[in-house]
Amino acid sequence: MLHARPAAAYTHLAPLAGLKKPPPASSAAEFMATGSRDKSIRIWDGRGNCIKTLNGHDNWVRALVFHPGGKYLLSVADDKTLRCWDLTQDGKCVKVLSDVHGHFVSCLRWAPGIVREPVANGNPEGTNGTINGTLKPGTAASDVQVRCVIATGSVDLNVRVFAN
């Protein structure tokens, strides 16, 4: 399983790769993360070099997602846990939620951000400036309000939603 990164994570991933400054946010596929049956998570640079291995899961890592702000990487696995890895602390696991499901946790997703668009024609409602969770062209990342809501799915046929 592979998860590409948001450009917001470049600032936090560049030091792991030994870079003095992050690549421009406009560059594509500078970093990515993979989870594996060997229970590890690996972070890769765009040239295919493994820059960091994260260990902590006790079973097959099934899904990964970067926080939209780029500071964290979240993972779920067949060990029924949801883990939060802090990229500003060299990838340290800073939170573990155990038994989030009764069986293997197989998928993970952040809620798409909410884009506040200017009021037009007296309509006070903003519209969602995303397409399938990705910003529409021309939408600045600073215009996005991150929702701290994630959902997990499991072999137990349940979806769980976590919010702060």
N, C-alpha and C. Protein backbone atom coordinates (compact mmCIF):
# COMPACT_ATOMS: atom_id res chain seq x y z
N MET A 1 0.83 -1.15 0.00
CA MET A 1 0.00 0.00 0.00
C MET A 1 0.89 1.23 0.00
N LEU A 2 0.50 2.22 -0.79
CA LEU A 2 1.29 3.42 -0.99
C LEU A 2 0.43 4.64 -0.72
N HIS A 3 1.02 5.63 -0.10
CA HIS A 3 0.29 6.88 0.10
C HIS A 3 1.19 8.04 -0.29
N ALA A 4 0.76 8.81 -1.28
CA ALA A 4 1.50 10.01 -1.66
C ALA A 4 1.32 11.05 -0.57
N ARG A 5 2.12 12.05 -0.58
CA ARG A 5 2.14 13.04 0.48
C ARG A 5 1.52 14.35 0.06
N PRO A 6 0.98 15.10 1.02
CA PRO A 6 0.59 16.47 0.69
C PRO A 6 1.83 17.36 0.72
N ALA A 7 1.81 18.40 -0.07
CA ALA A 7 2.96 19.32 -0.09
C ALA A 7 3.22 19.93 1.28
N ALA A 8 2.19 20.02 2.12
CA ALA A 8 2.37 20.58 3.46
C ALA A 8 3.35 19.76 4.29
N ALA A 9 3.52 18.49 3.97
CA ALA A 9 4.44 17.62 4.72
C ALA A 9 5.90 17.83 4.33
N TYR A 10 6.15 18.49 3.21
CA TYR A 10 7.53 18.67 2.75
C TYR A 10 8.42 19.32 3.81
N THR A 11 7.90 20.30 4.52
CA THR A 11 8.67 20.99 5.56
C THR A 11 9.15 20.02 6.63
N HIS A 12 8.31 19.04 6.96
CA HIS A 12 8.64 18.09 8.02
C HIS A 12 9.42 16.88 7.52
N LEU A 13 9.26 16.55 6.24
CA LEU A 13 9.96 15.39 5.69
C LEU A 13 11.36 15.74 5.19
N ALA A 14 11.58 16.98 4.77
CA ALA A 14 12.89 17.38 4.25
C ALA A 14 14.03 17.10 5.23
N PRO A 15 13.90 17.42 6.54
CA PRO A 15 15.00 17.11 7.47
C PRO A 15 15.27 15.60 7.57
N LEU A 16 14.22 14.78 7.49
CA LEU A 16 14.43 13.32 7.52
C LEU A 16 15.26 12.86 6.33
N ALA A 17 15.11 13.59 5.21
CA ALA A 17 15.86 13.24 3.99
C ALA A 17 17.23 13.90 3.95
N GLY A 18 17.57 14.69 4.99
CA GLY A 18 18.86 15.36 5.03
C GLY A 18 18.91 16.62 4.18
N LEU A 19 17.75 17.16 3.84
CA LEU A 19 17.70 18.38 3.03
C LEU A 19 17.69 19.60 3.94
N LYS A 20 18.40 20.64 3.54
CA LYS A 20 18.45 21.86 4.33
C LYS A 20 17.17 22.67 4.19
N LYS A 21 16.52 22.58 3.03
CA LYS A 21 15.24 23.27 2.84
C LYS A 21 14.30 22.35 2.06
N PRO A 22 13.01 22.49 2.29
CA PRO A 22 12.05 21.61 1.62
C PRO A 22 11.92 21.93 0.14
N PRO A 23 11.54 20.94 -0.67
CA PRO A 23 11.28 21.20 -2.08
C PRO A 23 10.09 22.16 -2.21
N PRO A 24 9.96 22.83 -3.35
CA PRO A 24 8.81 23.71 -3.53
C PRO A 24 7.51 22.92 -3.46
N ALA A 25 6.48 23.53 -2.90
CA ALA A 25 5.18 22.87 -2.75
C ALA A 25 4.59 22.48 -4.09
N SER A 26 5.01 23.14 -5.15
CA SER A 26 4.47 22.85 -6.47
C SER A 26 5.06 21.59 -7.09
N SER A 27 6.16 21.08 -6.55
CA SER A 27 6.76 19.87 -7.12
C SER A 27 5.95 18.65 -6.68
N ALA A 28 5.87 17.68 -7.58
CA ALA A 28 5.03 16.50 -7.33
C ALA A 28 5.86 15.31 -6.88
N ALA A 29 5.28 14.50 -6.03
CA ALA A 29 5.84 13.21 -5.61
C ALA A 29 7.27 13.31 -5.08
N GLU A 30 7.53 14.29 -4.22
CA GLU A 30 8.84 14.41 -3.61
C GLU A 30 9.05 13.37 -2.52
N PHE A 31 7.96 13.00 -1.83
CA PHE A 31 8.02 12.02 -0.77
C PHE A 31 6.77 11.16 -0.82
N MET A 32 6.88 9.96 -0.28
CA MET A 32 5.72 9.08 -0.17
C MET A 32 5.95 8.13 1.00
N ALA A 33 4.88 7.49 1.43
CA ALA A 33 4.98 6.53 2.54
C ALA A 33 4.32 5.23 2.11
N THR A 34 4.88 4.12 2.59
CA THR A 34 4.32 2.81 2.31
C THR A 34 4.18 2.04 3.62
N GLY A 35 3.17 1.20 3.66
CA GLY A 35 2.97 0.29 4.78
C GLY A 35 3.07 -1.12 4.25
N SER A 36 3.46 -2.06 5.09
CA SER A 36 3.80 -3.38 4.59
C SER A 36 3.34 -4.51 5.50
N ARG A 37 3.37 -5.70 4.92
CA ARG A 37 3.10 -6.92 5.69
C ARG A 37 4.17 -7.17 6.74
N ASP A 38 5.34 -6.57 6.58
CA ASP A 38 6.40 -6.78 7.57
C ASP A 38 6.23 -5.88 8.80
N LYS A 39 5.05 -5.23 8.93
CA LYS A 39 4.66 -4.43 10.09
C LYS A 39 5.31 -3.05 10.12
N SER A 40 6.02 -2.69 9.07
CA SER A 40 6.74 -1.41 9.07
C SER A 40 6.07 -0.40 8.15
N ILE A 41 6.43 0.86 8.41
CA ILE A 41 6.07 1.97 7.54
C ILE A 41 7.38 2.55 7.06
N ARG A 42 7.47 2.81 5.77
CA ARG A 42 8.69 3.40 5.23
C ARG A 42 8.34 4.70 4.52
N ILE A 43 9.18 5.70 4.74
CA ILE A 43 9.04 6.98 4.05
C ILE A 43 10.16 7.06 3.03
N TRP A 44 9.78 7.42 1.80
CA TRP A 44 10.69 7.41 0.66
C TRP A 44 10.81 8.80 0.07
N ASP A 45 11.98 9.09 -0.50
CA ASP A 45 12.09 10.33 -1.27
C ASP A 45 11.70 10.02 -2.72
N GLY A 46 11.63 11.04 -3.52
CA GLY A 46 11.19 10.91 -4.91
C GLY A 46 12.14 10.11 -5.79
N ARG A 47 13.36 9.85 -5.33
CA ARG A 47 14.33 9.07 -6.09
C ARG A 47 14.31 7.60 -5.71
N GLY A 48 13.42 7.24 -4.77
CA GLY A 48 13.30 5.84 -4.37
C GLY A 48 14.17 5.43 -3.21
N ASN A 49 14.74 6.40 -2.50
CA ASN A 49 15.57 6.10 -1.33
C ASN A 49 14.69 6.08 -0.08
N CYS A 50 14.83 5.05 0.73
CA CYS A 50 14.12 4.99 2.01
C CYS A 50 14.82 5.94 2.97
N ILE A 51 14.08 6.95 3.45
CA ILE A 51 14.70 7.94 4.35
C ILE A 51 14.35 7.69 5.81
N LYS A 52 13.31 6.87 6.06
CA LYS A 52 12.94 6.59 7.44
C LYS A 52 12.07 5.35 7.49
N THR A 53 12.30 4.50 8.49
CA THR A 53 11.46 3.34 8.76
C THR A 53 10.83 3.53 10.13
N LEU A 54 9.50 3.38 10.18
CA LEU A 54 8.76 3.52 11.43
C LEU A 54 8.27 2.15 11.85
N ASN A 55 8.60 1.75 13.06
CA ASN A 55 8.19 0.45 13.58
C ASN A 55 7.32 0.64 14.82
N GLY A 56 6.36 -0.24 15.00
CA GLY A 56 5.51 -0.16 16.17
C GLY A 56 4.26 -1.03 16.03
N HIS A 57 3.78 -1.20 14.82
CA HIS A 57 2.62 -2.07 14.62
C HIS A 57 3.01 -3.52 14.85
N ASP A 58 2.05 -4.33 15.31
CA ASP A 58 2.29 -5.75 15.57
C ASP A 58 1.76 -6.64 14.47
N ASN A 59 1.27 -6.04 13.39
CA ASN A 59 0.72 -6.83 12.30
C ASN A 59 0.74 -5.97 11.03
N TRP A 60 0.25 -6.51 9.95
CA TRP A 60 0.26 -5.91 8.63
C TRP A 60 -0.32 -4.50 8.64
N VAL A 61 0.45 -3.51 8.16
CA VAL A 61 0.00 -2.12 8.04
C VAL A 61 -0.87 -2.02 6.79
N ARG A 62 -2.12 -1.62 6.98
CA ARG A 62 -3.10 -1.62 5.89
C ARG A 62 -3.33 -0.27 5.24
N ALA A 63 -3.23 0.83 5.99
CA ALA A 63 -3.53 2.13 5.41
C ALA A 63 -2.74 3.22 6.12
N LEU A 64 -2.42 4.26 5.34
CA LEU A 64 -1.68 5.42 5.83
C LEU A 64 -2.33 6.68 5.28
N VAL A 65 -2.22 7.75 6.05
CA VAL A 65 -2.67 9.04 5.55
C VAL A 65 -1.89 10.14 6.27
N PHE A 66 -1.42 11.12 5.50
CA PHE A 66 -0.76 12.28 6.07
C PHE A 66 -1.83 13.26 6.53
N HIS A 67 -1.58 13.89 7.68
CA HIS A 67 -2.46 14.97 8.14
C HIS A 67 -2.39 16.09 7.10
N PRO A 68 -3.49 16.74 6.81
CA PRO A 68 -3.47 17.81 5.79
C PRO A 68 -2.47 18.92 6.10
N GLY A 69 -2.15 19.15 7.37
CA GLY A 69 -1.15 20.15 7.74
C GLY A 69 0.27 19.65 7.59
N GLY A 70 0.43 18.35 7.38
CA GLY A 70 1.74 17.78 7.09
C GLY A 70 2.57 17.34 8.27
N LYS A 71 2.17 17.64 9.49
CA LYS A 71 2.99 17.33 10.66
C LYS A 71 2.91 15.86 11.08
N TYR A 72 1.80 15.21 10.80
CA TYR A 72 1.58 13.85 11.28
C TYR A 72 1.32 12.87 10.14
N LEU A 73 1.64 11.61 10.41
CA LEU A 73 1.27 10.50 9.55
C LEU A 73 0.47 9.55 10.42
N LEU A 74 -0.71 9.15 9.96
CA LEU A 74 -1.54 8.21 10.70
C LEU A 74 -1.52 6.87 9.99
N SER A 75 -1.64 5.79 10.78
CA SER A 75 -1.63 4.45 10.20
C SER A 75 -2.61 3.56 10.94
N VAL A 76 -3.11 2.56 10.21
CA VAL A 76 -3.94 1.51 10.81
C VAL A 76 -3.41 0.17 10.32
N ALA A 77 -3.70 -0.87 11.12
CA ALA A 77 -3.13 -2.17 10.80
C ALA A 77 -4.03 -3.29 11.28
N ASP A 78 -3.61 -4.49 10.92
CA ASP A 78 -4.33 -5.69 11.36
C ASP A 78 -4.19 -5.93 12.86
N ASP A 79 -3.38 -5.12 13.55
CA ASP A 79 -3.29 -5.23 15.01
C ASP A 79 -4.40 -4.46 15.72
N LYS A 80 -5.37 -3.94 14.95
CA LYS A 80 -6.56 -3.24 15.45
C LYS A 80 -6.23 -1.89 16.06
N THR A 81 -5.08 -1.29 15.71
CA THR A 81 -4.70 0.00 16.26
C THR A 81 -4.71 1.09 15.20
N LEU A 82 -4.87 2.30 15.69
CA LEU A 82 -4.68 3.53 14.92
C LEU A 82 -3.52 4.23 15.59
N ARG A 83 -2.49 4.57 14.82
CA ARG A 83 -1.29 5.19 15.38
C ARG A 83 -1.03 6.53 14.72
N CYS A 84 -0.50 7.45 15.52
CA CYS A 84 -0.14 8.78 15.04
C CYS A 84 1.37 8.96 15.19
N TRP A 85 2.03 9.27 14.09
CA TRP A 85 3.47 9.44 14.04
C TRP A 85 3.76 10.92 13.82
N ASP A 86 4.59 11.52 14.67
CA ASP A 86 4.91 12.95 14.58
C ASP A 86 6.17 13.12 13.74
N LEU A 87 6.02 13.70 12.58
CA LEU A 87 7.15 13.87 11.66
C LEU A 87 8.13 14.94 12.14
N THR A 88 7.70 15.82 13.04
CA THR A 88 8.61 16.83 13.59
C THR A 88 9.49 16.25 14.69
N GLN A 89 9.14 15.05 15.17
CA GLN A 89 9.93 14.37 16.20
C GLN A 89 10.58 13.12 15.62
N ASP A 90 11.09 13.24 14.40
CA ASP A 90 11.80 12.14 13.74
C ASP A 90 10.92 10.91 13.53
N GLY A 91 9.61 11.13 13.38
CA GLY A 91 8.70 10.02 13.12
C GLY A 91 8.29 9.25 14.36
N LYS A 92 8.43 9.84 15.51
CA LYS A 92 8.09 9.17 16.78
C LYS A 92 6.58 8.90 16.84
N CYS A 93 6.21 7.71 17.33
CA CYS A 93 4.81 7.38 17.55
C CYS A 93 4.36 8.10 18.81
N VAL A 94 3.41 9.04 18.65
CA VAL A 94 3.00 9.87 19.79
C VAL A 94 1.62 9.50 20.33
N LYS A 95 0.90 8.65 19.63
CA LYS A 95 -0.43 8.26 20.11
C LYS A 95 -0.80 6.91 19.51
N VAL A 96 -1.35 6.04 20.35
CA VAL A 96 -1.85 4.74 19.90
C VAL A 96 -3.26 4.58 20.44
N LEU A 97 -4.21 4.35 19.56
CA LEU A 97 -5.57 3.98 19.96
C LEU A 97 -5.70 2.49 19.71
N SER A 98 -5.86 1.73 20.78
CA SER A 98 -5.94 0.28 20.68
C SER A 98 -7.38 -0.18 20.50
N ASP A 99 -7.54 -1.32 19.87
CA ASP A 99 -8.85 -1.94 19.68
C ASP A 99 -9.88 -0.97 19.12
N VAL A 100 -9.49 -0.22 18.08
CA VAL A 100 -10.44 0.71 17.45
C VAL A 100 -11.54 -0.04 16.70
N HIS A 101 -11.30 -1.29 16.42
CA HIS A 101 -12.29 -2.18 15.81
C HIS A 101 -12.15 -3.56 16.43
N GLY A 102 -13.15 -4.40 16.19
CA GLY A 102 -13.13 -5.76 16.70
C GLY A 102 -12.34 -6.71 15.83
N HIS A 103 -11.88 -6.25 14.69
CA HIS A 103 -11.11 -7.09 13.77
C HIS A 103 -10.12 -6.19 13.04
N PHE A 104 -9.43 -6.74 12.01
CA PHE A 104 -8.42 -5.98 11.27
C PHE A 104 -8.98 -4.64 10.80
N VAL A 105 -8.18 -3.57 10.97
CA VAL A 105 -8.54 -2.25 10.45
C VAL A 105 -7.95 -2.15 9.05
N SER A 106 -8.80 -1.93 8.06
CA SER A 106 -8.35 -2.04 6.68
C SER A 106 -8.27 -0.74 5.91
N CYS A 107 -8.90 0.34 6.40
CA CYS A 107 -8.82 1.60 5.66
C CYS A 107 -8.93 2.80 6.59
N LEU A 108 -8.45 3.93 6.09
CA LEU A 108 -8.33 5.15 6.87
C LEU A 108 -8.48 6.33 5.93
N ARG A 109 -9.23 7.36 6.36
CA ARG A 109 -9.44 8.52 5.49
C ARG A 109 -9.68 9.78 6.33
N TRP A 110 -9.01 10.89 5.95
CA TRP A 110 -9.30 12.20 6.54
C TRP A 110 -10.52 12.77 5.87
N ALA A 111 -11.32 13.52 6.61
CA ALA A 111 -12.42 14.27 6.00
C ALA A 111 -11.81 15.36 5.12
N PRO A 112 -12.39 15.61 3.95
CA PRO A 112 -11.85 16.69 3.11
C PRO A 112 -11.95 18.03 3.83
N GLY A 113 -11.03 18.93 3.53
CA GLY A 113 -11.06 20.26 4.12
C GLY A 113 -12.23 21.06 3.58
N ILE A 114 -12.59 22.08 4.33
CA ILE A 114 -13.66 22.98 3.91
C ILE A 114 -13.01 24.24 3.38
N VAL A 115 -13.39 24.64 2.18
CA VAL A 115 -12.84 25.85 1.58
C VAL A 115 -13.87 26.96 1.73
N ARG A 116 -13.45 28.02 2.37
CA ARG A 116 -14.32 29.19 2.53
C ARG A 116 -14.09 30.10 1.33
N GLU A 117 -15.11 30.23 0.52
CA GLU A 117 -15.02 31.10 -0.65
C GLU A 117 -15.67 32.43 -0.33
N PRO A 118 -15.27 33.48 -1.03
CA PRO A 118 -15.85 34.79 -0.77
C PRO A 118 -17.36 34.78 -1.00
N VAL A 119 -18.05 35.64 -0.25
CA VAL A 119 -19.50 35.79 -0.41
C VAL A 119 -19.77 36.42 -1.77
N ALA A 120 -20.68 35.81 -2.52
CA ALA A 120 -21.03 36.33 -3.84
C ALA A 120 -22.53 36.54 -3.92
N ASN A 121 -22.96 37.68 -4.48
CA ASN A 121 -24.37 37.98 -4.69
C ASN A 121 -25.18 37.88 -3.41
N GLY A 122 -24.58 38.25 -2.28
CA GLY A 122 -25.30 38.23 -1.02
C GLY A 122 -25.52 36.86 -0.43
N ASN A 123 -24.99 35.81 -1.04
CA ASN A 123 -25.15 34.45 -0.52
C ASN A 123 -24.10 34.23 0.56
N PRO A 124 -24.52 34.06 1.82
CA PRO A 124 -23.54 33.90 2.91
C PRO A 124 -22.90 32.53 2.96
N GLU A 125 -23.39 31.61 2.20
CA GLU A 125 -22.85 30.25 2.26
C GLU A 125 -21.58 30.13 1.43
N GLY A 126 -20.52 29.58 2.02
CA GLY A 126 -19.32 29.24 1.26
C GLY A 126 -19.57 27.90 0.60
N THR A 127 -18.78 27.54 -0.37
CA THR A 127 -18.94 26.24 -1.01
C THR A 127 -17.70 25.42 -0.79
N ASN A 128 -17.84 24.15 -0.95
CA ASN A 128 -16.71 23.26 -0.74
C ASN A 128 -15.82 23.30 -1.97
N GLY A 129 -14.58 23.75 -1.82
CA GLY A 129 -13.65 23.90 -2.93
C GLY A 129 -12.80 22.67 -3.17
N THR A 130 -13.38 21.49 -2.98
CA THR A 130 -12.62 20.28 -3.20
C THR A 130 -13.31 19.38 -4.20
N ILE A 131 -12.52 18.55 -4.83
CA ILE A 131 -13.02 17.51 -5.71
C ILE A 131 -12.44 16.21 -5.19
N ASN A 132 -13.29 15.33 -4.66
CA ASN A 132 -12.84 14.07 -4.08
C ASN A 132 -11.72 14.27 -3.05
N GLY A 133 -11.86 15.30 -2.23
CA GLY A 133 -10.88 15.54 -1.18
C GLY A 133 -9.63 16.27 -1.62
N THR A 134 -9.53 16.62 -2.91
CA THR A 134 -8.38 17.33 -3.45
C THR A 134 -8.80 18.75 -3.80
N LEU A 135 -7.93 19.72 -3.53
CA LEU A 135 -8.27 21.10 -3.82
C LEU A 135 -8.54 21.33 -5.29
N LYS A 136 -9.57 22.14 -5.58
CA LYS A 136 -9.84 22.55 -6.96
C LYS A 136 -8.68 23.42 -7.42
N PRO A 137 -8.37 23.41 -8.70
CA PRO A 137 -7.30 24.29 -9.21
C PRO A 137 -7.58 25.74 -8.83
N GLY A 138 -6.53 26.44 -8.41
CA GLY A 138 -6.66 27.84 -8.06
C GLY A 138 -7.02 28.08 -6.60
N THR A 139 -7.25 27.03 -5.83
CA THR A 139 -7.56 27.18 -4.41
C THR A 139 -6.26 27.14 -3.61
N ALA A 140 -6.02 28.19 -2.84
CA ALA A 140 -4.80 28.25 -2.02
C ALA A 140 -4.99 27.40 -0.77
N ALA A 141 -3.93 26.73 -0.35
CA ALA A 141 -3.99 25.89 0.85
C ALA A 141 -4.38 26.71 2.07
N SER A 142 -4.02 28.00 2.09
CA SER A 142 -4.36 28.85 3.23
C SER A 142 -5.86 29.12 3.32
N ASP A 143 -6.60 28.86 2.24
CA ASP A 143 -8.05 29.06 2.24
C ASP A 143 -8.80 27.85 2.76
N VAL A 144 -8.08 26.79 3.13
CA VAL A 144 -8.71 25.55 3.54
C VAL A 144 -8.75 25.45 5.06
N GLN A 145 -9.93 25.13 5.58
CA GLN A 145 -10.09 24.87 7.00
C GLN A 145 -10.01 23.36 7.19
N VAL A 146 -8.99 22.88 7.89
CA VAL A 146 -8.81 21.46 8.12
C VAL A 146 -9.84 20.98 9.12
N ARG A 147 -10.49 19.87 8.80
CA ARG A 147 -11.41 19.25 9.76
C ARG A 147 -10.68 18.08 10.41
N CYS A 148 -10.61 18.08 11.72
CA CYS A 148 -9.93 17.00 12.43
C CYS A 148 -10.91 15.85 12.62
N VAL A 149 -11.26 15.24 11.52
CA VAL A 149 -12.18 14.12 11.51
C VAL A 149 -11.59 13.04 10.61
N ILE A 150 -11.48 11.84 11.15
CA ILE A 150 -11.00 10.72 10.35
C ILE A 150 -11.98 9.57 10.49
N ALA A 151 -11.96 8.70 9.50
CA ALA A 151 -12.82 7.52 9.52
C ALA A 151 -11.96 6.29 9.27
N THR A 152 -12.30 5.21 9.94
CA THR A 152 -11.62 3.93 9.73
C THR A 152 -12.66 2.90 9.34
N GLY A 153 -12.23 1.95 8.55
CA GLY A 153 -13.09 0.83 8.18
C GLY A 153 -12.40 -0.46 8.54
N SER A 154 -13.20 -1.52 8.73
CA SER A 154 -12.64 -2.76 9.23
C SER A 154 -13.30 -3.97 8.61
N VAL A 155 -12.60 -5.09 8.74
CA VAL A 155 -13.14 -6.39 8.34
C VAL A 155 -14.36 -6.73 9.19
N ASP A 156 -14.53 -6.06 10.34
CA ASP A 156 -15.71 -6.31 11.18
C ASP A 156 -16.98 -5.66 10.61
N LEU A 157 -16.87 -5.07 9.41
CA LEU A 157 -17.99 -4.45 8.68
C LEU A 157 -18.50 -3.16 9.33
N ASN A 158 -17.66 -2.51 10.11
CA ASN A 158 -18.03 -1.25 10.74
C ASN A 158 -17.14 -0.12 10.26
N VAL A 159 -17.69 1.08 10.26
CA VAL A 159 -16.94 2.30 10.02
C VAL A 159 -16.99 3.09 11.32
N ARG A 160 -15.85 3.57 11.74
CA ARG A 160 -15.81 4.41 12.95
C ARG A 160 -15.30 5.78 12.56
N VAL A 161 -15.89 6.81 13.14
CA VAL A 161 -15.51 8.19 12.86
C VAL A 161 -14.94 8.77 14.15
N PHE A 162 -13.77 9.39 14.02
CA PHE A 162 -13.08 10.00 15.16
C PHE A 162 -13.00 11.49 14.91
N ALA A 163 -13.39 12.28 15.91
CA ALA A 163 -13.33 13.75 15.80
C ALA A 163 -12.91 14.30 17.15
N ASN A 164 -12.31 15.50 17.11
CA ASN A 164 -11.95 16.11 18.39
C ASN A 164 -12.99 17.11 18.79
